[in-house]
């Protein structure tokens, strides 16, 4: 899997992230075939990259209650 160029990426903070600076996860949108994830407290740090189909399956499992959050 190739890493997308994240310069100028549009990042969206998870609705589960708290506003007190705790667990903050951001997802970049618009990257072809891959979903980059990063810690919003370290925006210049590393980002994890997941295949879009794997990320979609994971989100579906979360919605179905198959994982504890």
C-alpha atoms as a PDB file:
ATOM      1  CA  UNK A   1       0.000   0.000   0.000  1.00  0.00           C
ATOM      2  CA  UNK A   2       1.458   3.337  -0.978  1.00  0.00           C
ATOM      3  CA  UNK A   3       1.362   6.270   1.422  1.00  0.00           C
ATOM      4  CA  UNK A   4      -0.669   9.219   0.215  1.00  0.00           C
ATOM      5  CA  UNK A   5       0.671  12.747   0.140  1.00  0.00           C
ATOM      6  CA  UNK A   6      -0.978  14.281   3.206  1.00  0.00           C
ATOM      7  CA  UNK A   7       0.118  17.867   2.533  1.00  0.00           C
ATOM      8  CA  UNK A   8      -3.097  19.834   2.460  1.00  0.00           C
ATOM      9  CA  UNK A   9      -5.210  16.837   3.536  1.00  0.00           C
ATOM     10  CA  UNK A  10      -8.605  17.613   5.055  1.00  0.00           C
ATOM     11  CA  UNK A  11      -8.599  16.096   8.554  1.00  0.00           C
ATOM     12  CA  UNK A  12     -11.802  15.418  10.510  1.00  0.00           C
ATOM     13  CA  UNK A  13     -11.780  14.849  14.286  1.00  0.00           C
ATOM     14  CA  UNK A  14     -13.656  11.830  15.580  1.00  0.00           C
ATOM     15  CA  UNK A  15     -16.959  12.592  17.267  1.00  0.00           C
ATOM     16  CA  UNK A  16     -15.738  10.370  20.127  1.00  0.00           C
ATOM     17  CA  UNK A  17     -12.726  12.607  20.808  1.00  0.00           C
ATOM     18  CA  UNK A  18     -13.173  14.699  23.901  1.00  0.00           C
ATOM     19  CA  UNK A  19     -12.721  18.459  23.934  1.00  0.00           C
ATOM     20  CA  UNK A  20     -10.475  18.425  27.017  1.00  0.00           C
ATOM     21  CA  UNK A  21      -7.392  17.364  25.064  1.00  0.00           C
ATOM     22  CA  UNK A  22      -7.719  13.661  25.840  1.00  0.00           C
ATOM     23  CA  UNK A  23      -8.100  10.892  23.277  1.00  0.00           C
ATOM     24  CA  UNK A  24      -8.218  12.695  19.938  1.00  0.00           C
ATOM     25  CA  UNK A  25      -8.290  10.801  16.677  1.00  0.00           C
ATOM     26  CA  UNK A  26      -8.460  12.451  13.261  1.00  0.00           C
ATOM     27  CA  UNK A  27      -9.211  10.877   9.891  1.00  0.00           C
ATOM     28  CA  UNK A  28      -8.104  12.344   6.553  1.00  0.00           C
ATOM     29  CA  UNK A  29     -10.782  12.308   3.884  1.00  0.00           C
ATOM     30  CA  UNK A  30     -10.393  12.178   0.128  1.00  0.00           C
ATOM     31  CA  UNK A  31      -7.355   9.879  -0.164  1.00  0.00           C
ATOM     32  CA  UNK A  32      -7.872   7.348  -2.950  1.00  0.00           C
ATOM     33  CA  UNK A  33      -8.191   3.802  -1.536  1.00  0.00           C
ATOM     34  CA  UNK A  34      -6.569   4.558   1.827  1.00  0.00           C
ATOM     35  CA  UNK A  35      -7.698   6.091   5.121  1.00  0.00           C
ATOM     36  CA  UNK A  36      -4.996   7.942   7.109  1.00  0.00           C
ATOM     37  CA  UNK A  37      -5.518   8.201  10.890  1.00  0.00           C
ATOM     38  CA  UNK A  38      -3.511  10.402  13.283  1.00  0.00           C
ATOM     39  CA  UNK A  39      -3.421  11.720  16.832  1.00  0.00           C
ATOM     40  CA  UNK A  40      -4.728  15.281  16.716  1.00  0.00           C
ATOM     41  CA  UNK A  41      -2.389  16.247  19.572  1.00  0.00           C
ATOM     42  CA  UNK A  42       0.573  15.450  17.274  1.00  0.00           C
ATOM     43  CA  UNK A  43      -0.522  16.693  13.829  1.00  0.00           C
ATOM     44  CA  UNK A  44       3.035  16.627  12.488  1.00  0.00           C
ATOM     45  CA  UNK A  45       3.660  13.151  13.863  1.00  0.00           C
ATOM     46  CA  UNK A  46       3.130   9.848  12.084  1.00  0.00           C
ATOM     47  CA  UNK A  47      -0.177   8.739  10.611  1.00  0.00           C
ATOM     48  CA  UNK A  48      -1.430   5.194  10.300  1.00  0.00           C
ATOM     49  CA  UNK A  49      -2.763   4.171   6.888  1.00  0.00           C
ATOM     50  CA  UNK A  50      -5.513   1.599   6.380  1.00  0.00           C
ATOM     51  CA  UNK A  51      -6.983   0.251   3.167  1.00  0.00           C
ATOM     52  CA  UNK A  52     -10.357   1.931   2.703  1.00  0.00           C
ATOM     53  CA  UNK A  53     -12.197  -1.414   2.589  1.00  0.00           C
ATOM     54  CA  UNK A  54     -10.583  -2.556   5.866  1.00  0.00           C
ATOM     55  CA  UNK A  55     -11.434   0.733   7.571  1.00  0.00           C
ATOM     56  CA  UNK A  56     -15.050   0.529   6.360  1.00  0.00           C
ATOM     57  CA  UNK A  57     -15.348  -3.035   7.718  1.00  0.00           C
ATOM     58  CA  UNK A  58     -13.934  -1.902  11.078  1.00  0.00           C
ATOM     59  CA  UNK A  59     -16.412   1.011  11.299  1.00  0.00           C
ATOM     60  CA  UNK A  60     -19.291  -1.338  10.410  1.00  0.00           C
ATOM     61  CA  UNK A  61     -18.195  -3.668  13.240  1.00  0.00           C
ATOM     62  CA  UNK A  62     -18.099  -0.729  15.677  1.00  0.00           C
ATOM     63  CA  UNK A  63     -21.607   0.299  14.687  1.00  0.00           C
ATOM     64  CA  UNK A  64     -22.801  -3.288  15.149  1.00  0.00           C
ATOM     65  CA  UNK A  65     -21.393  -3.301  18.688  1.00  0.00           C
ATOM     66  CA  UNK A  66     -18.719  -5.913  17.984  1.00  0.00           C
ATOM     67  CA  UNK A  67     -15.988  -3.858  19.697  1.00  0.00           C
ATOM     68  CA  UNK A  68     -15.954  -1.932  22.942  1.00  0.00           C
ATOM     69  CA  UNK A  69     -15.177   1.780  22.644  1.00  0.00           C
END
